Protein backbone atom coordinates (compact mmCIF):
# COMPACT_ATOMS: atom_id res chain seq x y z
CA MET A 1 128.30 70.31 111.35
CA SER A 2 131.90 69.51 110.48
CA GLN A 3 133.10 67.94 107.29
CA GLN A 4 136.57 67.04 106.21
CA VAL A 5 137.34 68.03 102.63
CA SER A 6 139.62 65.70 100.61
CA LYS A 7 140.29 64.94 96.98
CA GLY A 8 139.97 61.87 94.80
CA PRO A 9 137.10 59.86 93.21
CA ALA A 10 136.12 58.28 96.50
CA ALA A 11 136.03 61.59 98.27
CA GLU A 12 134.08 63.30 95.46
CA ALA A 13 131.40 60.57 95.46
CA ARG A 14 131.12 60.75 99.21
CA GLN A 15 130.81 64.53 99.27
CA ALA A 16 128.29 64.49 96.40
CA GLY A 17 126.11 61.99 98.33
CA LEU A 18 126.38 64.12 101.49
CA ARG A 19 125.38 67.26 99.59
CA ALA A 20 122.32 65.46 98.15
CA VAL A 21 121.27 64.56 101.74
CA GLN A 22 121.86 68.10 103.02
CA SER A 23 119.74 69.60 100.23
CA HIS A 24 116.81 67.23 100.78
CA PRO A 25 113.99 69.15 102.57
CA MET A 26 113.10 66.28 104.88
CA LEU A 27 116.60 65.29 105.96
CA ALA A 28 118.15 68.76 106.04
CA PRO A 29 117.29 69.47 109.70
CA LEU A 30 118.84 66.19 110.78
CA ALA A 31 121.92 66.68 108.58
CA GLN A 32 122.51 70.17 109.95
CA ALA A 33 122.38 68.92 113.55
CA ALA A 34 124.64 65.93 112.93
CA SER A 35 128.41 66.04 112.73
CA PHE A 36 130.07 64.19 109.86
CA THR A 37 133.68 63.03 109.99
CA VAL A 38 135.77 60.93 107.63
CA ASP A 39 137.27 58.01 109.56
CA LYS A 40 140.46 57.22 107.63
CA GLU A 41 142.07 55.26 110.47
CA HIS A 42 139.05 52.99 111.02
CA GLN A 43 138.75 53.92 114.70
CA HIS A 44 134.94 53.71 114.53
CA VAL A 45 134.11 52.46 111.05
CA SER A 46 135.18 48.91 110.15
CA ALA A 47 137.48 48.54 107.18
CA LYS A 48 134.71 46.65 105.38
CA GLY A 49 131.88 48.86 106.71
CA TRP A 50 130.34 52.11 105.50
CA LEU A 51 129.66 54.34 108.48
CA ALA A 52 129.08 54.46 112.21
CA VAL A 53 126.49 56.51 114.16
CA SER A 54 126.43 57.63 117.81
CA PRO A 55 123.32 58.66 119.78
CA GLY A 56 124.66 62.17 120.02
CA GLY A 57 124.73 62.62 116.25
CA MET A 58 128.37 61.88 115.39
CA ILE A 59 128.49 60.09 112.04
CA TRP A 60 131.79 58.65 110.87
CA LEU A 61 132.10 57.87 107.15
CA HIS A 62 134.45 55.36 105.50
CA GLY A 63 137.34 57.25 104.03
CA LYS A 64 138.39 55.06 101.10
CA ARG A 65 135.25 53.28 99.81
CA GLN A 66 134.91 53.41 96.03
CA THR A 67 131.24 53.77 95.16
CA THR A 68 128.64 56.07 93.56
CA PRO A 69 127.10 59.29 95.00
CA GLN A 70 123.65 57.58 94.96
CA ALA A 71 124.99 54.80 97.23
CA TRP A 72 126.44 57.32 99.70
CA THR A 73 123.11 59.22 99.66
CA ARG A 74 121.21 56.10 100.64
CA VAL A 75 123.67 54.97 103.32
CA ILE A 76 123.93 58.39 104.96
CA SER A 77 120.13 58.73 104.84
CA ILE A 78 119.76 55.39 106.67
CA GLY A 79 121.97 56.71 109.49
CA LEU A 80 120.03 59.97 109.76
CA VAL A 81 116.66 58.18 109.66
CA CYS A 82 117.79 55.90 112.47
CA LEU A 83 118.56 59.01 114.53
CA GLY A 84 115.24 60.59 113.61
CA PHE A 85 113.28 57.44 114.58
CA GLY A 86 115.11 57.24 117.88
CA LEU A 87 116.61 53.83 117.04
CA VAL A 88 120.27 54.56 117.84
CA ARG A 89 120.19 53.01 121.35
CA ARG A 90 121.26 49.91 123.08
CA GLN A 91 118.57 47.20 123.15
CA GLU A 92 119.08 43.52 123.59
CA PRO A 93 119.65 41.37 121.65
CA PHE A 94 121.69 44.18 120.19
CA GLU A 95 122.74 42.58 116.89
CA ALA A 96 119.11 41.73 116.06
CA TRP A 97 117.94 45.19 117.19
CA GLU A 98 120.50 46.92 114.98
CA LEU A 99 119.47 44.80 112.01
CA ALA A 100 115.77 45.54 112.59
CA SER A 101 116.50 49.26 112.89
CA LEU A 102 118.56 49.39 109.67
CA LEU A 103 115.90 47.51 107.73
CA VAL A 104 113.10 49.82 108.85
CA ALA A 105 115.23 52.91 108.10
CA ASP A 106 116.18 51.53 104.63
CA ARG A 107 112.56 50.89 103.82
CA PHE A 108 111.68 54.42 104.74
CA CYS A 109 114.49 55.71 102.48
CA SER A 110 113.29 53.42 99.68
CA GLU A 111 109.78 54.78 99.95
CA LEU A 112 111.18 58.33 99.61
CA LYS A 113 113.53 57.23 96.79
CA LEU A 114 116.58 58.56 98.62
CA GLY A 115 119.57 57.36 96.65
CA GLN A 116 120.11 53.74 95.70
CA LEU A 117 121.90 50.89 97.33
CA PRO A 118 124.72 49.28 95.28
CA ASP A 119 124.24 45.78 93.87
CA ASP A 120 126.28 44.19 96.67
CA LEU A 121 123.87 45.54 99.27
CA ILE A 122 120.66 44.25 97.67
CA TYR A 123 118.79 41.94 100.07
CA PRO A 124 115.54 39.90 100.15
CA GLU A 125 112.91 42.16 101.70
CA PRO A 126 111.44 40.65 104.87
CA ILE A 127 107.80 40.67 105.99
CA PHE A 128 107.45 43.89 108.00
CA PRO A 129 105.00 43.42 110.88
CA ALA A 130 103.15 46.24 112.67
CA GLY A 131 105.21 48.04 115.29
CA GLY A 132 108.22 49.17 113.28
CA ALA A 133 111.62 48.04 114.51
CA GLU A 134 110.16 46.71 117.76
CA GLY A 135 107.80 44.44 115.89
CA LEU A 136 110.53 43.26 113.50
CA LEU A 137 112.81 42.53 116.48
CA ARG A 138 110.09 40.33 118.07
CA GLN A 139 109.69 38.54 114.74
CA PHE A 140 113.40 37.80 114.61
CA CYS A 141 113.40 36.56 118.23
CA VAL A 142 110.43 34.24 117.65
CA ASN A 143 110.99 32.96 114.14
CA GLY A 144 114.68 33.56 113.62
CA CYS A 145 116.36 35.68 110.96
CA ASP A 146 117.09 35.05 107.31
CA PRO A 147 120.86 34.48 106.88
CA ALA A 148 120.81 36.77 103.81
CA LEU A 149 119.68 39.66 106.04
CA LYS A 150 122.56 38.98 108.43
CA GLU A 151 124.96 38.92 105.47
CA TRP A 152 123.55 42.27 104.38
CA GLN A 153 124.12 43.63 107.89
CA SER A 154 127.74 42.52 107.91
CA GLN A 155 128.40 44.04 104.49
CA LEU A 156 126.95 47.37 105.69
CA CYS A 157 128.53 47.40 109.14
CA GLY A 158 131.68 45.29 108.59
CA SER A 159 133.16 43.62 111.64
CA ALA A 160 132.02 46.48 113.98
CA SER A 161 128.63 47.75 115.02
CA LEU A 162 127.06 50.62 113.14
CA PHE A 163 125.53 51.99 116.38
CA CYS A 164 128.31 52.95 118.75
CA HIS A 165 129.52 55.32 121.54
CA PHE A 166 126.59 54.68 123.86
CA ASP A 167 128.61 55.10 127.12
CA VAL A 168 130.60 58.19 126.10
CA LYS A 169 129.39 61.16 128.20
CA PRO A 170 129.61 64.56 126.48
CA PRO A 171 131.65 67.28 128.20
CA ARG A 172 129.76 69.71 130.42
CA TRP A 173 130.37 72.62 128.07
CA GLN A 174 128.77 70.78 125.14
CA ARG A 175 125.13 71.40 124.34
CA PRO A 176 122.64 68.57 125.01
CA PRO A 177 122.03 66.31 122.00
CA PRO A 178 119.33 67.49 119.59
CA ARG A 179 115.81 66.12 119.76
CA TRP A 180 116.11 63.95 116.66
CA ARG A 181 112.41 63.04 116.46
CA GLU A 182 111.39 66.68 116.42
CA LEU A 183 113.97 67.44 113.76
CA LEU A 184 112.53 64.67 111.57
CA ALA A 185 108.98 65.90 112.13
CA ASP A 186 110.14 69.40 111.15
CA GLY A 187 111.73 67.99 108.02
CA ILE A 188 108.59 66.12 107.06
CA ALA A 189 106.53 69.32 107.52
CA ARG A 190 109.05 71.23 105.39
CA ASP A 191 108.88 68.62 102.64
CA VAL A 192 105.10 68.68 102.60
CA GLY A 193 105.16 72.49 102.35
CA HIS A 194 107.48 72.40 99.36
CA ALA A 195 105.33 69.77 97.70
CA LEU A 196 102.24 72.02 98.08
CA GLU A 197 104.16 74.99 96.75
CA ARG A 198 105.21 73.02 93.69
CA ALA A 199 101.65 71.77 93.13
CA ALA A 200 100.27 75.34 93.45
CA GLY A 201 102.93 76.86 91.15
CA LEU A 202 104.15 79.17 93.92
CA PRO A 203 107.77 80.29 94.20
CA GLY A 204 109.85 77.32 95.18
CA ILE A 205 113.37 77.01 96.53
CA SER A 206 114.79 78.80 93.49
CA GLY A 207 112.22 81.64 93.71
CA GLU A 208 110.94 81.03 90.17
CA ILE A 209 107.31 80.44 89.20
CA LYS A 210 107.03 77.70 86.63
CA PRO A 211 103.96 77.79 84.39
CA LEU A 212 101.48 74.97 85.01
CA SER A 213 101.28 72.24 82.42
CA LYS A 214 97.92 71.17 81.07
CA ALA A 215 97.84 68.15 83.38
CA GLN A 216 98.65 70.35 86.37
CA LYS A 217 95.89 72.77 85.30
CA ALA A 218 93.45 69.87 85.07
CA ARG A 219 94.48 68.78 88.57
CA ARG A 220 93.94 72.27 89.91
CA ARG A 221 90.52 72.58 88.24
CA LEU A 222 89.40 69.31 89.79
CA ILE A 223 90.56 70.48 93.25
CA ASP A 224 88.87 73.90 92.92
CA HIS A 225 85.65 73.13 91.09
CA TYR A 226 84.83 69.39 91.40
CA PRO A 227 84.35 68.47 95.10
CA LEU A 228 83.65 64.84 94.18
CA LEU A 229 87.19 64.29 92.90
CA GLY A 230 89.01 67.19 94.62
CA ALA A 231 90.43 65.16 97.54
CA LEU A 232 91.58 62.42 95.15
CA ALA A 233 93.23 64.90 92.78
CA ALA A 234 95.19 66.43 95.61
CA SER A 235 96.58 62.99 96.53
CA PHE A 236 98.21 62.09 93.20
CA ASP A 237 101.37 63.43 91.62
CA VAL A 238 101.56 64.14 87.92
CA GLN A 239 104.30 62.62 85.74
CA GLU A 240 104.67 64.14 82.29
CA ASP A 241 108.10 63.00 81.08
CA PRO A 242 107.60 62.07 77.37
CA ARG A 243 110.63 59.73 77.43
CA LEU A 244 109.26 57.75 80.40
CA CYS A 245 105.82 57.60 78.74
CA GLN A 246 107.45 56.23 75.63
CA GLN A 247 109.42 53.74 77.75
CA TYR A 248 106.24 52.42 79.44
CA ASP A 249 104.20 52.53 76.20
CA ILE A 250 101.73 55.11 77.54
CA ARG A 251 99.92 56.60 74.55
CA VAL A 252 97.74 59.10 76.45
CA ALA A 253 97.55 58.42 80.20
CA ALA A 254 97.82 55.74 82.94
CA ILE A 255 97.62 55.58 86.73
CA ASP A 256 99.69 53.78 89.37
CA VAL A 257 97.54 53.66 92.50
CA GLY A 258 100.26 52.28 94.76
CA ALA A 259 102.71 54.98 93.77
CA ARG A 260 100.03 57.69 93.78
CA CYS A 261 101.06 58.86 90.36
CA ILE A 262 99.15 59.75 87.15
CA TRP A 263 101.09 59.60 83.92
CA VAL A 264 100.02 61.97 81.14
CA ASN A 265 101.86 61.94 77.83
CA PRO A 266 102.34 65.50 76.62
CA ALA A 267 102.90 64.14 73.13
CA ALA A 268 99.22 63.20 72.93
CA GLY A 269 98.37 66.82 72.22
CA LEU A 270 95.37 67.07 74.54
CA SER A 271 93.55 70.32 75.02
CA ASP A 272 92.83 71.68 78.47
CA ASP A 273 89.27 70.21 78.52
CA GLU A 274 90.46 66.88 77.13
CA CYS A 275 93.18 66.71 79.77
CA LEU A 276 90.56 67.39 82.41
CA PHE A 277 88.47 64.48 81.13
CA VAL A 278 91.45 62.12 81.10
CA PHE A 279 92.59 63.14 84.56
CA ALA A 280 89.09 62.57 86.01
CA HIS A 281 88.98 59.19 84.18
CA GLU A 282 92.13 57.97 85.89
CA LEU A 283 91.04 59.28 89.33
CA LEU A 284 87.74 57.32 89.10
CA HIS A 285 89.76 54.18 88.48
CA ALA A 286 91.61 54.85 91.77
CA GLY A 287 88.58 55.92 93.81
CA LEU A 288 86.49 52.88 92.73
CA ASN A 289 89.33 50.45 93.48
CA HIS A 290 89.26 48.97 89.95
CA ALA A 291 92.92 47.84 90.27
CA SER A 292 92.06 45.26 92.97
CA ARG A 293 88.75 44.06 91.60
CA ARG A 294 89.85 42.59 88.29
CA ARG A 295 89.44 39.12 86.88
CA ASP A 296 90.96 39.09 83.44
CA PRO A 297 92.98 42.32 83.97
CA LEU A 298 92.79 43.76 80.45
CA LEU A 299 89.13 42.83 79.92
CA TRP A 300 88.20 44.24 83.29
CA ASN A 301 90.11 47.47 82.57
CA ILE A 302 88.25 47.95 79.25
CA ALA A 303 84.87 47.23 80.86
CA CYS A 304 85.54 49.87 83.52
CA ASP A 305 86.64 52.35 80.87
CA PHE A 306 83.30 52.01 79.11
CA ILE A 307 81.41 52.79 82.30
CA ILE A 308 83.65 55.60 83.47
CA ASN A 309 83.64 57.39 80.13
CA GLY A 310 79.87 57.20 79.98
CA TRP A 311 79.59 58.79 83.43
CA LEU A 312 82.03 61.59 82.58
CA ILE A 313 80.23 62.41 79.37
CA GLU A 314 76.93 62.44 81.22
CA MET A 315 78.39 64.76 83.89
CA GLN A 316 80.01 66.94 81.21
CA VAL A 317 83.45 66.87 82.84
CA GLY A 318 85.74 68.43 80.22
CA SER A 319 85.49 66.92 76.78
CA ALA A 320 86.24 63.48 75.41
CA PRO A 321 89.61 63.19 73.65
CA GLY A 322 89.42 63.50 69.90
CA ILE A 323 91.96 60.72 69.38
CA GLY A 324 89.37 58.09 70.34
CA LEU A 325 87.62 56.81 73.40
CA LEU A 326 85.90 53.66 74.67
CA HIS A 327 82.22 54.61 74.80
CA ASP A 328 79.03 52.85 73.77
CA ALA A 329 75.54 54.17 74.50
CA ALA A 330 74.28 50.56 74.60
CA PHE A 331 76.16 50.12 77.94
CA SER A 332 74.26 53.00 79.56
CA GLY A 333 72.77 51.99 82.90
CA GLN A 334 74.84 48.77 83.11
CA SER A 335 77.57 47.87 85.65
CA SER A 336 81.17 47.10 84.95
CA GLU A 337 80.45 43.43 85.62
CA ASP A 338 77.64 43.50 82.96
CA VAL A 339 80.00 44.99 80.41
CA TYR A 340 82.69 42.53 81.33
CA ASP A 341 80.31 39.68 80.64
CA SER A 342 79.37 41.18 77.30
CA LEU A 343 83.00 41.65 76.26
CA ALA A 344 83.85 38.11 77.31
CA GLN A 345 81.54 36.74 74.59
CA ASP A 346 84.06 37.92 71.97
CA ILE A 347 87.43 38.13 73.77
CA ARG A 348 89.49 38.33 70.57
CA ARG A 349 87.71 41.45 69.49
CA ALA A 350 87.72 42.97 73.00
CA ARG A 351 91.47 42.58 73.31
CA LYS A 352 91.94 44.78 70.20
CA LEU A 353 90.25 47.74 71.87
CA ALA A 354 92.39 50.63 73.09
CA THR A 355 92.47 52.05 76.58
CA LEU A 356 94.00 55.43 77.26
CA ARG A 357 97.39 53.69 77.49
CA GLY A 358 97.05 52.00 74.08
CA VAL A 359 95.78 48.98 72.21
CA GLY A 360 95.74 45.83 74.34
CA ALA A 361 97.35 47.65 77.30
CA GLN A 362 95.99 48.49 80.71
CA ASP A 363 96.00 52.07 81.98
CA LEU A 364 96.01 50.59 85.49
CA ILE A 365 99.71 49.99 86.03
CA GLY A 366 101.80 48.95 89.01
CA ASP A 367 100.43 47.16 92.08
CA GLU A 368 99.46 48.27 95.59
CA ASP A 369 101.52 45.93 97.80
CA GLY A 370 101.14 47.48 101.23
CA LYS A 371 103.05 50.75 101.59
CA LEU A 372 104.81 51.82 104.76
CA PHE A 373 102.22 54.28 105.99
CA MET A 374 98.81 53.35 104.62
CA ASP A 375 96.81 51.31 102.20
CA ALA A 376 96.70 53.35 98.99
CA GLU A 377 93.43 51.90 97.75
CA GLY A 378 91.76 52.35 101.13
CA TYR A 379 92.88 56.01 101.10
CA CYS A 380 91.44 56.57 97.58
CA ARG A 381 88.17 54.91 98.57
CA ARG A 382 87.82 57.21 101.60
CA ALA A 383 88.82 60.32 99.59
CA LEU A 384 86.07 59.56 96.98
CA ALA A 385 83.53 58.99 99.74
CA GLN A 386 84.44 62.36 101.35
CA GLY A 387 84.12 64.06 97.96
CA PHE A 388 80.69 62.54 97.53
CA ASP A 389 79.67 63.86 100.94
CA ARG A 390 80.82 67.37 99.98
CA PHE A 391 78.99 67.17 96.76
CA THR A 392 75.70 66.10 98.27
CA SER A 393 75.87 68.44 101.28
CA GLY A 394 77.24 71.49 99.43
CA THR A 395 75.90 73.86 96.80
CA SER A 396 77.31 71.98 93.86
CA ARG A 397 75.14 72.03 90.76
CA GLY A 398 74.44 69.10 88.51
CA LEU A 399 73.59 65.49 89.03
CA LEU A 400 75.65 62.35 89.34
CA PRO A 401 74.84 59.19 87.36
CA ALA A 402 72.92 56.66 89.38
CA GLY A 403 75.52 53.92 88.66
CA LEU A 404 78.34 56.07 90.05
CA ILE A 405 76.36 56.86 93.20
CA GLU A 406 75.66 53.18 93.70
CA GLU A 407 79.34 52.30 93.25
CA ILE A 408 80.47 54.93 95.76
CA ARG A 409 77.96 53.91 98.38
CA SER A 410 78.73 50.23 98.02
CA LEU A 411 82.46 50.92 98.55
CA SER A 412 81.65 53.18 101.52
CA GLN A 413 79.83 50.45 103.41
CA PRO A 414 81.88 49.15 106.35
CA PRO A 415 83.18 45.63 105.88
CA MET A 416 81.39 42.76 107.61
CA ALA A 417 82.62 42.32 111.17
CA TRP A 418 84.99 39.45 111.83
CA ASP A 419 82.62 37.86 114.34
CA VAL A 420 79.78 37.88 111.82
CA LYS A 421 82.01 36.14 109.25
CA LEU A 422 83.06 33.59 111.87
CA ALA A 423 79.37 32.97 112.65
CA HIS A 424 78.77 32.22 108.96
CA TRP A 425 81.69 29.81 109.00
CA PHE A 426 80.12 27.96 111.92
CA ASP A 427 76.71 27.94 110.23
CA GLU A 428 78.12 26.28 107.14
CA ARG A 429 79.66 23.43 109.17
CA PHE A 430 77.06 23.07 111.93
CA CYS A 431 73.57 23.32 110.63
CA PRO A 432 70.90 23.57 113.30
CA PRO A 433 69.72 20.06 114.20
CA GLU A 434 66.25 19.35 112.87
CA PRO A 435 63.65 18.65 115.66
CA ARG A 436 62.32 15.08 115.61
CA ARG A 437 59.23 13.62 117.13
CA SER A 438 58.45 9.99 117.90
CA TYR A 439 55.67 7.82 119.24
CA ALA A 440 58.20 5.37 120.69
CA HIS A 441 58.46 7.34 123.94
CA PRO A 442 55.71 8.30 126.37
CA SER A 443 53.55 10.69 124.43
CA ARG A 444 51.78 13.86 125.41
CA ARG A 445 48.04 14.24 125.60
CA GLN A 446 45.96 17.33 125.61
CA SER A 447 42.98 17.75 127.94
CA ALA A 448 40.74 18.71 124.98
CA THR A 449 41.50 15.46 123.15
CA PRO A 450 42.74 12.97 125.77
CA ASP A 451 42.16 10.03 123.43
CA ASN A 452 44.49 11.32 120.76
CA PRO A 453 48.19 10.62 121.52
CA ARG A 454 50.72 13.10 120.24
CA PRO A 455 54.42 12.48 119.49
CA SER A 456 57.07 13.73 121.93
CA CYS A 457 60.30 15.44 121.15
CA VAL A 458 63.27 13.13 120.72
CA LYS A 459 66.76 14.34 121.80
CA PRO A 460 69.59 13.77 119.37
CA THR A 461 71.34 10.50 119.71
CA GLU A 462 74.75 10.26 121.35
CA GLU A 463 76.30 9.54 118.00
CA GLU A 464 74.82 12.75 116.51
CA ARG A 465 76.01 14.78 119.47
CA ARG A 466 79.54 13.43 119.18
CA SER A 467 79.59 14.34 115.48
CA ARG A 468 79.08 18.04 116.30
CA VAL A 469 82.65 18.74 117.36
CA PHE A 470 85.56 20.71 116.01
CA GLY A 471 89.18 21.43 116.80
CA VAL A 472 90.93 24.61 117.94
CA LEU A 473 94.74 24.95 117.44
CA LEU A 474 95.59 27.79 119.76
CA ASP A 475 98.92 29.60 119.36
CA THR A 476 100.06 30.13 122.93
CA SER A 477 103.54 31.49 122.12
CA GLY A 478 104.98 34.48 123.89
CA SER A 479 104.07 36.83 121.06
CA MET A 480 100.31 36.24 121.43
CA ALA A 481 98.56 39.07 123.27
CA PRO A 482 96.35 37.91 126.19
CA GLN A 483 93.51 40.10 124.89
CA LEU A 484 93.56 38.18 121.59
CA LEU A 485 93.48 34.82 123.39
CA GLY A 486 90.55 35.88 125.54
CA LYS A 487 88.57 37.47 122.72
CA SER A 488 89.10 34.51 120.40
CA LEU A 489 88.19 31.84 122.96
CA GLY A 490 85.14 33.82 124.08
CA ALA A 491 83.83 34.18 120.51
CA ILE A 492 84.48 30.47 119.73
CA ALA A 493 82.69 29.34 122.88
CA SER A 494 79.70 31.58 122.23
CA TYR A 495 79.17 30.33 118.66
CA ALA A 496 79.78 26.67 119.68
CA LEU A 497 77.08 26.91 122.39
CA ALA A 498 74.66 28.66 120.01
CA ARG A 499 75.04 25.80 117.52
CA GLU A 500 74.83 22.98 120.07
CA VAL A 501 78.43 21.89 119.59
CA SER A 502 79.08 19.21 122.21
CA ALA A 503 82.85 19.61 122.71
CA VAL A 504 85.97 21.34 121.33
CA ARG A 505 89.30 19.53 120.96
CA LEU A 506 91.77 22.15 122.17
CA ILE A 507 95.41 21.95 121.21
CA CYS A 508 97.74 24.59 122.74
CA CYS A 509 100.86 24.99 120.68
CA ASP A 510 104.02 27.01 121.19
CA ALA A 511 107.29 25.19 120.36
CA HIS A 512 105.49 21.96 121.32
CA ALA A 513 101.92 20.72 121.04
CA HIS A 514 99.93 20.32 124.30
CA ASP A 515 96.71 18.34 124.04
CA SER A 516 94.08 19.80 126.43
CA GLY A 517 91.61 17.04 125.45
CA TRP A 518 87.88 17.52 124.80
CA VAL A 519 86.71 20.75 126.45
CA ALA A 520 83.07 21.71 126.90
CA PRO A 521 82.37 25.09 125.17
CA GLU A 522 81.00 26.65 128.34
CA ASN A 523 84.32 26.04 130.14
CA LEU A 524 86.03 28.33 127.65
CA LEU A 525 83.94 31.25 128.86
CA GLU A 526 85.48 30.94 132.34
CA ARG A 527 89.12 31.33 133.39
CA PHE A 528 90.90 28.69 131.29
CA ALA A 529 94.61 27.93 131.81
CA VAL A 530 96.56 27.69 128.61
CA ARG A 531 99.93 25.94 128.21
CA GLY A 532 102.92 27.29 126.34
CA ARG A 533 104.09 30.91 126.07
CA GLY A 534 107.33 29.86 124.37
CA GLY A 535 108.33 29.95 120.70
CA THR A 536 105.98 29.45 117.78
CA VAL A 537 105.82 26.20 115.73
CA LEU A 538 102.30 25.18 114.76
CA GLN A 539 102.96 22.12 112.59
CA PRO A 540 103.39 19.79 115.64
CA GLY A 541 99.83 20.69 116.62
CA LEU A 542 98.51 19.77 113.20
CA ASP A 543 100.48 16.51 113.32
CA LEU A 544 98.95 15.71 116.73
CA LEU A 545 95.42 16.23 115.35
CA ARG A 546 96.24 14.01 112.40
CA ASP A 547 97.39 11.24 114.76
CA LEU A 548 94.24 11.67 116.85
CA ALA A 549 92.13 11.40 113.72
CA ALA A 550 93.95 8.22 112.71
CA ARG A 551 93.09 6.70 116.12
CA GLY A 552 89.41 7.71 115.72
CA ASP A 553 89.64 10.31 118.49
CA PHE A 554 88.98 13.25 116.16
CA PRO A 555 87.09 13.68 112.80
CA LYS A 556 89.49 13.16 109.88
CA ALA A 557 87.97 16.03 107.90
CA GLY A 558 87.91 18.55 110.76
CA PRO A 559 86.74 21.26 110.94
CA LEU A 560 89.64 23.08 112.61
CA LEU A 561 90.08 26.72 113.64
CA ILE A 562 93.70 27.93 113.95
CA VAL A 563 94.14 30.99 116.24
CA THR A 564 97.52 32.72 115.77
CA ASP A 565 99.13 36.12 115.40
CA GLY A 566 100.89 35.16 112.16
CA TYR A 567 104.36 34.75 113.66
CA CYS A 568 104.75 31.09 112.66
CA GLU A 569 106.61 28.93 110.18
CA ASP A 570 106.54 29.69 106.45
CA GLN A 571 104.27 26.75 105.58
CA LEU A 572 101.63 24.57 107.33
CA SER A 573 100.40 21.24 106.01
CA THR A 574 96.98 19.73 106.79
CA LEU A 575 94.23 17.97 104.89
CA MET A 576 91.49 19.02 107.31
CA ASP A 577 88.87 21.64 106.65
CA HIS A 578 90.36 24.61 108.46
CA ALA A 579 90.29 28.43 108.87
CA TYR A 580 92.58 31.02 110.55
CA LEU A 581 91.80 33.67 113.11
CA LEU A 582 94.31 36.51 113.11
CA PRO A 583 94.53 39.93 114.72
CA GLU A 584 93.73 42.85 112.42
CA GLY A 585 96.76 44.15 110.52
CA ARG A 586 98.67 40.89 110.61
CA ARG A 587 99.09 38.35 107.84
CA LEU A 588 100.32 34.80 107.40
CA PRO A 589 103.79 34.23 105.91
CA PHE A 590 102.27 31.91 103.28
CA ARG A 591 99.21 31.71 101.06
CA PRO A 592 96.48 30.07 103.21
CA ARG A 593 94.18 27.42 101.79
CA GLY A 594 91.44 27.97 104.37
CA GLU A 595 89.45 31.12 105.12
CA VAL A 596 91.07 33.91 107.17
CA PHE A 597 89.18 35.93 109.74
CA TYR A 598 90.73 39.09 111.25
CA VAL A 599 89.95 40.01 114.87
CA SER A 600 89.27 43.75 115.12
CA SER A 601 90.76 45.48 118.16
CA ALA A 602 87.63 47.65 118.28
CA SER A 603 85.27 44.70 118.38
CA ASN A 604 83.49 43.92 121.58
CA SER A 605 82.57 40.42 120.66
CA GLY A 606 83.66 37.56 122.83
């Protein structure tokens, strides 16, 4: 690695940012393999840009930019992560590909808290679909790109491209370019190893062994001696900065599930056993997903505290803090919902109760908003279930409260399959027709009683049959996978036939709406040609159904099932009863009014 040494405030900030990147365990292998050069003549870096990166690992830095070391740390990290992800390549449309790559790399750096972008590089975060940069590129191609993101790209890259030198062949004597993906994987493994060393109190980079704090000792005790909470305890970091606890008004402790962090205020003066109790209290909040199952947030937090504290006292995990605790023997054997209802009878008094964070404050802080790698609450739920399996199958002594066992088992149940939910949706809108009998038609007679006429079954009238119809707005844009189209149409046809639906009004919609007319449900089970495969605009299809309803060719109230992959406009408008069918892992770019069903890739329905 080469680096030009210069003097001045700009050079000092740039070199400080580069040193921070080189000392980071995860990025150090990439930084050592890359070659850094200051481009003072702007041969590669635009005068208004920051840096340029080549596939071979050459990184040119702006020579005169006045900024902070934290900004240089973030920008250099973005370039290295692009190399590590294998994104520095030519792919058309190139400008959109470069923007998608930079956004994905910046989100990765933001998750790792690598430096900080300056104020002039702050941008509105887009919706990141599955598939990384490839998925974001498809989203840009289908739905277009926010002008603010393009402005951010121009401020970062200037008038030139950040990815460059694709066609330059290295000389024969030069070694082949490093395997950037393997270097990033090695850095991730190194960073995890250092984190485990710090958690275990082993010699770190400096070779010193730091004594464990009370919170760290409590975490270690839970990992070593409490299999129920051991996996959860290993997943959370401990934050014990008294100044930050004072800033966030944390009197004793709090937990941020999304950030995987438990805050313990050392100024609370907890003993080792009291700290163990508090740590277990916060972990149960995470494992039982209390952060996402709240109605009135504070009241729900307090109700859960009553239940958790009762369980921990019953299990004799550490000792209750002497500074006060929410515990009432009258709530023994009740659920959190029952306690919530009791507290709701006197809300003014309940709001004066103190959680571990303080009076009138929640110890469930932050929000889990979909992290880059996994769902934090889903991970905590699985970790608690695994701990319960170890507890029940191992040689652990003691008993668990029945309420806690019930909570863990209820959370461990797999969610209802999407096709079952869709079947319930059909049942609510198409009740089975009641059989009718009439003497008005030729009746049946039994040989045992030939003189007694019996009523015959009457088929539903044509008007009743025509009323059992619904609409399907099918997204047939190029981003829709053929497997999703086939699985969705198959499931819709099966349920329509089972509920004696006479016809389906099928609207295929890409950039334009194509009316396929009334289609018999059994025809959808066969090879059915769809129209479209262009861009995605669904509102014309809804407008077409509205016009059909105005002419009496479709029920004004629906129902309507919208099948899409979520790559559509930011808002849809319809007054019909409707629901959405999306592939698992996708989401709509707006808050839907109707129900949303997610098609599982592992499902065999349809």
